[in-house]
C-alpha cells in the first residue's frame, strides 16, 4: 500500500513539474517576433490592461478583450465571461497563444485565449476614492 502511495506522490510531482515548464513567461516582443515558436502553446504574459472591451456574442455569451503592450506592439487577450480586470491594472495572463485564429468570417492575430487559463491582477489601478485620499495626504 505504501508503494502505491509513493508512486502516486512521485507521479503528482512529475505532473506539477511538467505543467510548470509548459507555461513559459514571455514578453510582447517575443510573441510578436517569434510567434511561430509559441503558436498553440500555453504562455504567461505580464502587462498593463489597455483598450478593455466587454461584449456579448450573437449567441448571448458575454466575453471581453483587452490589449497588453505599447503603441502598435500589442498582444490581444480574449476570454468568455465577465471581465475581472479594469483599464490600467497590471495583470498576469496565462493562456493559449495563437498567431492567427479564425472564427466564422473573422481572423484574429496575436491573441492569447485565457478562457481555460487565468487572469491575475498584480497591481490594481487606484479607484477615484483612493486617488482622492492620497491627494489629500500630500
N, C-alpha and C. Protein backbone atom coordinates (compact mmCIF):
# COMPACT_ATOMS: atom_id res chain seq x y z
N UNK A 1 0.83 -1.20 0.00
CA UNK A 1 0.00 0.00 0.00
C UNK A 1 0.87 1.26 0.00
N UNK A 2 1.98 1.23 0.77
CA UNK A 2 2.86 2.40 0.80
C UNK A 2 3.54 2.60 -0.55
N UNK A 3 3.82 1.54 -1.26
CA UNK A 3 4.44 1.64 -2.58
C UNK A 3 3.51 2.36 -3.54
N UNK A 4 2.24 2.05 -3.48
CA UNK A 4 1.26 2.71 -4.34
C UNK A 4 1.19 4.20 -4.02
N UNK A 5 1.19 4.56 -2.73
CA UNK A 5 1.16 5.96 -2.33
C UNK A 5 2.42 6.68 -2.79
N UNK A 6 3.56 6.03 -2.67
CA UNK A 6 4.82 6.64 -3.09
C UNK A 6 4.82 6.89 -4.60
N UNK A 7 4.35 5.91 -5.37
CA UNK A 7 4.29 6.07 -6.82
C UNK A 7 3.32 7.18 -7.20
N UNK A 8 2.19 7.24 -6.52
CA UNK A 8 1.21 8.30 -6.79
C UNK A 8 1.78 9.68 -6.46
N UNK A 9 2.54 9.78 -5.37
CA UNK A 9 3.16 11.05 -4.99
C UNK A 9 4.19 11.49 -6.02
N UNK A 10 5.00 10.56 -6.47
CA UNK A 10 6.01 10.87 -7.49
C UNK A 10 5.34 11.29 -8.79
N UNK A 11 4.27 10.61 -9.18
CA UNK A 11 3.55 10.95 -10.40
C UNK A 11 2.96 12.36 -10.31
N UNK A 12 2.41 12.71 -9.15
CA UNK A 12 1.84 14.04 -8.96
C UNK A 12 2.92 15.11 -9.06
N UNK A 13 4.06 14.88 -8.43
CA UNK A 13 5.17 15.84 -8.52
C UNK A 13 5.64 16.01 -9.96
N UNK A 14 5.71 14.92 -10.68
CA UNK A 14 6.13 14.96 -12.08
C UNK A 14 5.14 15.77 -12.92
N UNK A 15 3.86 15.58 -12.69
CA UNK A 15 2.83 16.33 -13.42
C UNK A 15 2.94 17.82 -13.11
N UNK A 16 3.12 18.17 -11.84
CA UNK A 16 3.26 19.57 -11.47
C UNK A 16 4.50 20.20 -12.10
N UNK A 17 5.60 19.45 -12.13
CA UNK A 17 6.85 19.93 -12.72
C UNK A 17 6.68 20.17 -14.22
N UNK A 18 6.06 19.24 -14.91
CA UNK A 18 5.86 19.36 -16.36
C UNK A 18 4.94 20.53 -16.68
N UNK A 19 3.87 20.72 -15.90
CA UNK A 19 2.96 21.82 -16.17
C UNK A 19 3.62 23.16 -15.89
N UNK A 20 4.52 23.24 -14.92
CA UNK A 20 5.24 24.48 -14.65
C UNK A 20 6.16 24.83 -15.81
N UNK A 21 6.80 23.83 -16.40
CA UNK A 21 7.68 24.06 -17.53
C UNK A 21 6.87 24.48 -18.76
N UNK A 22 5.69 23.91 -18.93
CA UNK A 22 4.87 24.16 -20.12
C UNK A 22 4.37 25.60 -20.20
N UNK A 23 4.31 26.29 -19.09
CA UNK A 23 3.83 27.66 -19.07
C UNK A 23 5.03 28.60 -18.98
N UNK A 24 5.49 29.05 -20.12
CA UNK A 24 6.67 29.89 -20.19
C UNK A 24 6.28 31.35 -20.17
N UNK A 25 6.90 32.14 -19.26
CA UNK A 25 6.62 33.57 -19.25
C UNK A 25 7.37 34.22 -20.40
N UNK A 26 6.65 35.02 -21.17
CA UNK A 26 7.20 35.63 -22.36
C UNK A 26 6.94 37.14 -22.34
N UNK A 27 7.53 37.83 -23.30
CA UNK A 27 7.28 39.26 -23.46
C UNK A 27 6.45 39.49 -24.71
N UNK A 28 5.88 40.67 -24.82
CA UNK A 28 5.12 41.03 -26.02
C UNK A 28 6.04 40.93 -27.23
N UNK A 29 7.26 41.46 -27.10
CA UNK A 29 8.22 41.43 -28.21
C UNK A 29 8.51 40.00 -28.66
N UNK A 30 8.70 39.09 -27.70
CA UNK A 30 9.00 37.70 -28.05
C UNK A 30 7.82 37.08 -28.82
N UNK A 31 6.61 37.34 -28.37
CA UNK A 31 5.44 36.79 -29.06
C UNK A 31 5.31 37.35 -30.47
N UNK A 32 5.58 38.63 -30.64
CA UNK A 32 5.44 39.24 -31.95
C UNK A 32 6.59 38.86 -32.89
N UNK A 33 7.79 38.75 -32.34
CA UNK A 33 8.97 38.45 -33.18
C UNK A 33 9.14 36.96 -33.45
N UNK A 34 8.73 36.12 -32.49
CA UNK A 34 8.93 34.67 -32.61
C UNK A 34 7.60 33.93 -32.44
N UNK A 35 6.54 34.46 -33.02
CA UNK A 35 5.20 33.91 -32.84
C UNK A 35 5.07 32.43 -33.13
N UNK A 36 5.72 31.95 -34.18
CA UNK A 36 5.60 30.53 -34.55
C UNK A 36 6.12 29.62 -33.45
N UNK A 37 7.11 30.09 -32.71
CA UNK A 37 7.69 29.30 -31.61
C UNK A 37 6.65 29.06 -30.50
N UNK A 38 5.77 30.03 -30.31
CA UNK A 38 4.79 29.95 -29.22
C UNK A 38 3.39 29.58 -29.70
N UNK A 39 3.18 29.49 -31.00
CA UNK A 39 1.86 29.25 -31.57
C UNK A 39 1.23 27.95 -31.03
N UNK A 40 0.04 28.08 -30.44
CA UNK A 40 -0.68 26.93 -29.91
C UNK A 40 -0.22 26.49 -28.53
N UNK A 41 0.69 27.23 -27.91
CA UNK A 41 1.23 26.84 -26.60
C UNK A 41 0.71 27.73 -25.48
N UNK A 42 0.74 27.18 -24.28
CA UNK A 42 0.40 27.94 -23.07
C UNK A 42 1.54 28.91 -22.80
N UNK A 43 1.19 30.18 -22.58
CA UNK A 43 2.19 31.19 -22.24
C UNK A 43 1.70 32.01 -21.06
N UNK A 44 2.63 32.70 -20.44
CA UNK A 44 2.32 33.62 -19.35
C UNK A 44 2.87 34.98 -19.77
N UNK A 45 2.04 36.01 -19.68
CA UNK A 45 2.42 37.37 -20.09
C UNK A 45 2.00 38.34 -19.00
N UNK A 46 2.89 39.26 -18.66
CA UNK A 46 2.60 40.29 -17.66
C UNK A 46 2.55 41.64 -18.36
N UNK A 47 1.56 42.45 -18.03
CA UNK A 47 1.46 43.78 -18.62
C UNK A 47 0.29 44.57 -18.08
N UNK A 48 0.08 45.74 -18.68
CA UNK A 48 -0.97 46.66 -18.27
C UNK A 48 -2.18 46.51 -19.19
N UNK A 49 -3.37 46.45 -18.61
CA UNK A 49 -4.62 46.33 -19.37
C UNK A 49 -4.88 47.63 -20.12
N UNK A 50 -5.03 47.51 -21.44
CA UNK A 50 -5.34 48.65 -22.31
C UNK A 50 -6.52 48.27 -23.20
N UNK A 51 -7.34 49.24 -23.53
CA UNK A 51 -8.42 49.06 -24.50
C UNK A 51 -9.36 47.91 -24.12
N UNK A 52 -9.78 47.89 -22.85
CA UNK A 52 -10.69 46.85 -22.35
C UNK A 52 -12.08 47.04 -22.97
N UNK A 53 -12.61 45.93 -23.51
CA UNK A 53 -13.96 45.96 -24.09
C UNK A 53 -14.73 44.75 -23.60
N UNK A 54 -15.94 45.00 -23.10
CA UNK A 54 -16.83 43.91 -22.69
C UNK A 54 -17.98 43.86 -23.70
N UNK A 55 -18.24 42.65 -24.20
CA UNK A 55 -19.27 42.49 -25.23
C UNK A 55 -20.09 41.24 -24.97
N UNK A 56 -21.11 41.06 -25.81
CA UNK A 56 -21.95 39.85 -25.77
C UNK A 56 -22.02 39.32 -27.20
N UNK A 57 -21.75 38.03 -27.35
CA UNK A 57 -21.77 37.41 -28.68
C UNK A 57 -23.19 37.33 -29.23
N UNK A 58 -23.31 36.99 -30.50
CA UNK A 58 -24.64 36.83 -31.11
C UNK A 58 -25.46 35.75 -30.42
N UNK A 59 -24.78 34.78 -29.84
CA UNK A 59 -25.47 33.70 -29.12
C UNK A 59 -25.81 34.08 -27.69
N UNK A 60 -25.43 35.30 -27.28
CA UNK A 60 -25.76 35.77 -25.94
C UNK A 60 -24.71 35.47 -24.89
N UNK A 61 -23.50 35.07 -25.31
CA UNK A 61 -22.43 34.76 -24.36
C UNK A 61 -21.56 36.00 -24.10
N UNK A 62 -21.42 36.39 -22.83
CA UNK A 62 -20.56 37.54 -22.54
C UNK A 62 -19.09 37.17 -22.75
N UNK A 63 -18.31 38.14 -23.23
CA UNK A 63 -16.87 37.96 -23.38
C UNK A 63 -16.19 39.31 -23.26
N UNK A 64 -14.89 39.29 -23.08
CA UNK A 64 -14.15 40.55 -23.01
C UNK A 64 -12.80 40.39 -23.71
N UNK A 65 -12.28 41.53 -24.14
CA UNK A 65 -10.97 41.58 -24.77
C UNK A 65 -10.21 42.77 -24.21
N UNK A 66 -8.90 42.67 -24.24
CA UNK A 66 -8.05 43.83 -23.95
C UNK A 66 -6.70 43.60 -24.59
N UNK A 67 -5.86 44.61 -24.53
CA UNK A 67 -4.53 44.53 -25.13
C UNK A 67 -3.48 44.72 -24.05
N UNK A 68 -2.33 44.09 -24.29
CA UNK A 68 -1.14 44.31 -23.46
C UNK A 68 -0.03 44.71 -24.41
N UNK A 69 0.67 45.79 -24.10
CA UNK A 69 1.78 46.24 -24.94
C UNK A 69 1.80 47.75 -25.04
N UNK A 70 2.66 48.24 -25.93
CA UNK A 70 2.82 49.67 -26.12
C UNK A 70 2.62 50.03 -27.59
N UNK A 71 1.88 51.10 -27.87
CA UNK A 71 1.68 51.56 -29.23
C UNK A 71 1.06 50.49 -30.10
N UNK A 72 1.66 50.25 -31.26
CA UNK A 72 1.16 49.22 -32.17
C UNK A 72 1.69 47.84 -31.80
N UNK A 73 2.63 47.76 -30.90
CA UNK A 73 3.22 46.49 -30.46
C UNK A 73 2.40 45.91 -29.32
N UNK A 74 1.27 45.27 -29.66
CA UNK A 74 0.38 44.74 -28.63
C UNK A 74 0.00 43.30 -28.92
N UNK A 75 -0.39 42.61 -27.86
CA UNK A 75 -0.95 41.27 -27.95
C UNK A 75 -2.39 41.37 -27.45
N UNK A 76 -3.31 40.72 -28.14
CA UNK A 76 -4.71 40.74 -27.76
C UNK A 76 -5.00 39.63 -26.76
N UNK A 77 -5.85 39.93 -25.79
CA UNK A 77 -6.26 38.96 -24.79
C UNK A 77 -7.77 38.77 -24.94
N UNK A 78 -8.22 37.50 -24.92
CA UNK A 78 -9.64 37.18 -25.08
C UNK A 78 -10.07 36.20 -24.01
N UNK A 79 -11.29 36.38 -23.51
CA UNK A 79 -11.88 35.39 -22.63
C UNK A 79 -13.40 35.52 -22.62
N UNK A 80 -14.06 34.38 -22.51
CA UNK A 80 -15.50 34.39 -22.27
C UNK A 80 -15.73 34.76 -20.81
N UNK A 81 -16.90 35.29 -20.53
CA UNK A 81 -17.26 35.66 -19.17
C UNK A 81 -17.20 37.16 -18.98
N UNK A 82 -17.31 37.57 -17.73
CA UNK A 82 -17.29 38.98 -17.36
C UNK A 82 -15.87 39.36 -16.96
N UNK A 83 -15.42 40.52 -17.35
CA UNK A 83 -14.06 40.98 -17.05
C UNK A 83 -13.86 41.10 -15.54
N UNK A 84 -12.72 40.61 -15.10
CA UNK A 84 -12.34 40.70 -13.68
C UNK A 84 -11.22 41.72 -13.51
N UNK A 85 -10.95 42.50 -14.55
CA UNK A 85 -9.89 43.49 -14.53
C UNK A 85 -10.46 44.85 -14.92
N UNK A 86 -9.65 45.90 -14.68
CA UNK A 86 -10.03 47.25 -15.07
C UNK A 86 -8.91 47.82 -15.94
N UNK A 87 -9.27 48.80 -16.73
CA UNK A 87 -8.30 49.53 -17.54
C UNK A 87 -7.19 50.06 -16.63
N UNK A 88 -5.94 49.77 -16.97
CA UNK A 88 -4.80 50.25 -16.20
C UNK A 88 -4.25 49.27 -15.18
N UNK A 89 -4.98 48.18 -14.89
CA UNK A 89 -4.47 47.16 -13.96
C UNK A 89 -3.22 46.51 -14.54
N UNK A 90 -2.28 46.18 -13.67
CA UNK A 90 -1.15 45.34 -14.08
C UNK A 90 -1.58 43.90 -13.83
N UNK A 91 -1.49 43.05 -14.87
CA UNK A 91 -2.01 41.70 -14.77
C UNK A 91 -0.99 40.66 -15.25
N UNK A 92 -1.23 39.43 -14.83
CA UNK A 92 -0.51 38.27 -15.35
C UNK A 92 -1.56 37.38 -16.01
N UNK A 93 -1.43 37.15 -17.32
CA UNK A 93 -2.37 36.30 -18.03
C UNK A 93 -1.70 34.99 -18.39
N UNK A 94 -2.45 33.91 -18.26
CA UNK A 94 -1.98 32.58 -18.63
C UNK A 94 -3.00 32.01 -19.60
N UNK A 95 -2.55 31.65 -20.78
CA UNK A 95 -3.49 31.12 -21.77
C UNK A 95 -2.78 30.63 -23.01
N UNK A 96 -3.58 30.25 -23.98
CA UNK A 96 -3.08 29.67 -25.23
C UNK A 96 -2.86 30.78 -26.26
N UNK A 97 -1.63 30.90 -26.74
CA UNK A 97 -1.29 31.91 -27.74
C UNK A 97 -1.54 31.37 -29.14
N UNK A 98 -2.14 32.20 -29.98
CA UNK A 98 -2.36 31.84 -31.38
C UNK A 98 -1.87 32.99 -32.25
N UNK A 99 -1.01 32.68 -33.22
CA UNK A 99 -0.57 33.69 -34.17
C UNK A 99 -1.75 34.15 -35.00
N UNK A 100 -2.60 33.20 -35.41
CA UNK A 100 -3.78 33.52 -36.19
C UNK A 100 -4.92 32.58 -35.80
N UNK A 101 -6.07 33.16 -35.51
CA UNK A 101 -7.24 32.38 -35.14
C UNK A 101 -8.41 32.84 -36.00
N UNK A 102 -9.09 31.88 -36.61
CA UNK A 102 -10.26 32.20 -37.45
C UNK A 102 -11.53 31.76 -36.74
N UNK A 103 -12.47 32.68 -36.68
CA UNK A 103 -13.78 32.39 -36.10
C UNK A 103 -14.81 32.91 -37.09
N UNK A 104 -15.56 31.98 -37.66
CA UNK A 104 -16.52 32.31 -38.72
C UNK A 104 -15.80 33.08 -39.82
N UNK A 105 -16.18 34.34 -40.03
CA UNK A 105 -15.57 35.13 -41.10
C UNK A 105 -14.50 36.09 -40.58
N UNK A 106 -14.20 36.04 -39.31
CA UNK A 106 -13.22 36.95 -38.72
C UNK A 106 -11.88 36.24 -38.49
N UNK A 107 -10.81 37.00 -38.60
CA UNK A 107 -9.47 36.48 -38.32
C UNK A 107 -8.85 37.36 -37.24
N UNK A 108 -8.34 36.72 -36.21
CA UNK A 108 -7.69 37.42 -35.10
C UNK A 108 -6.23 37.03 -35.07
N UNK A 109 -5.35 38.01 -34.88
CA UNK A 109 -3.91 37.76 -34.88
C UNK A 109 -3.30 38.09 -33.52
N UNK A 110 -2.28 37.32 -33.17
CA UNK A 110 -1.51 37.55 -31.94
C UNK A 110 -2.43 37.68 -30.73
N UNK A 111 -3.11 36.57 -30.44
CA UNK A 111 -4.10 36.57 -29.37
C UNK A 111 -3.81 35.46 -28.36
N UNK A 112 -4.01 35.80 -27.09
CA UNK A 112 -3.95 34.81 -26.02
C UNK A 112 -5.37 34.58 -25.53
N UNK A 113 -5.84 33.34 -25.63
CA UNK A 113 -7.17 32.97 -25.15
C UNK A 113 -7.01 32.48 -23.72
N UNK A 114 -7.58 33.23 -22.78
CA UNK A 114 -7.46 32.87 -21.36
C UNK A 114 -8.73 32.23 -20.82
N UNK A 115 -9.64 31.81 -21.72
CA UNK A 115 -10.89 31.18 -21.28
C UNK A 115 -10.59 29.98 -20.38
N UNK A 116 -9.62 29.15 -20.76
CA UNK A 116 -9.24 27.99 -19.94
C UNK A 116 -8.00 28.28 -19.11
N UNK A 117 -7.53 29.50 -19.15
CA UNK A 117 -6.35 29.92 -18.38
C UNK A 117 -6.79 30.77 -17.21
N UNK A 118 -6.04 31.85 -16.99
CA UNK A 118 -6.44 32.75 -15.90
C UNK A 118 -5.85 34.14 -16.11
N UNK A 119 -6.51 35.10 -15.48
CA UNK A 119 -6.06 36.48 -15.46
C UNK A 119 -5.94 36.86 -13.99
N UNK A 120 -4.73 37.22 -13.57
CA UNK A 120 -4.50 37.60 -12.18
C UNK A 120 -4.13 39.08 -12.13
N UNK A 121 -4.80 39.84 -11.28
CA UNK A 121 -4.47 41.24 -11.10
C UNK A 121 -3.29 41.32 -10.13
N UNK A 122 -2.17 41.87 -10.59
CA UNK A 122 -0.98 42.02 -9.76
C UNK A 122 -1.01 43.34 -9.02
N UNK A 123 -1.33 44.42 -9.74
CA UNK A 123 -1.43 45.76 -9.15
C UNK A 123 -2.67 46.42 -9.69
N UNK A 124 -3.71 46.53 -8.87
CA UNK A 124 -4.93 47.17 -9.36
C UNK A 124 -4.73 48.67 -9.54
N UNK A 125 -5.43 49.24 -10.51
CA UNK A 125 -5.41 50.68 -10.70
C UNK A 125 -6.18 51.30 -9.53
N UNK A 126 -5.69 52.41 -8.97
CA UNK A 126 -6.40 53.01 -7.84
C UNK A 126 -7.79 53.52 -8.23
N UNK A 127 -8.74 53.36 -7.33
CA UNK A 127 -10.08 53.89 -7.57
C UNK A 127 -10.06 55.40 -7.38
N UNK A 128 -11.13 56.07 -7.81
CA UNK A 128 -11.21 57.53 -7.65
C UNK A 128 -11.11 57.92 -6.17
N UNK A 129 -11.75 57.12 -5.30
CA UNK A 129 -11.73 57.39 -3.87
C UNK A 129 -10.30 57.28 -3.32
N UNK A 130 -9.56 56.26 -3.76
CA UNK A 130 -8.18 56.08 -3.32
C UNK A 130 -7.29 57.22 -3.84
N UNK A 131 -7.54 57.66 -5.08
CA UNK A 131 -6.78 58.78 -5.64
C UNK A 131 -7.02 60.05 -4.83
N UNK A 132 -8.30 60.30 -4.50
CA UNK A 132 -8.66 61.50 -3.74
C UNK A 132 -8.03 61.48 -2.35
N UNK A 133 -8.04 60.33 -1.68
CA UNK A 133 -7.49 60.26 -0.33
C UNK A 133 -5.97 60.40 -0.33
N UNK A 134 -5.29 59.89 -1.34
CA UNK A 134 -3.83 60.03 -1.40
C UNK A 134 -3.44 61.45 -1.78
N UNK A 135 -4.28 62.13 -2.57
CA UNK A 135 -4.01 63.52 -2.96
C UNK A 135 -4.15 64.43 -1.74
N UNK A 136 -5.05 64.10 -0.83
CA UNK A 136 -5.26 64.89 0.37
C UNK A 136 -4.14 64.77 1.37
N UNK A 137 -3.35 63.70 1.29
CA UNK A 137 -2.24 63.48 2.23
C UNK A 137 -0.99 64.26 1.86
N UNK A 138 -0.93 64.79 0.64
CA UNK A 138 0.28 65.49 0.18
C UNK A 138 0.40 66.87 0.74
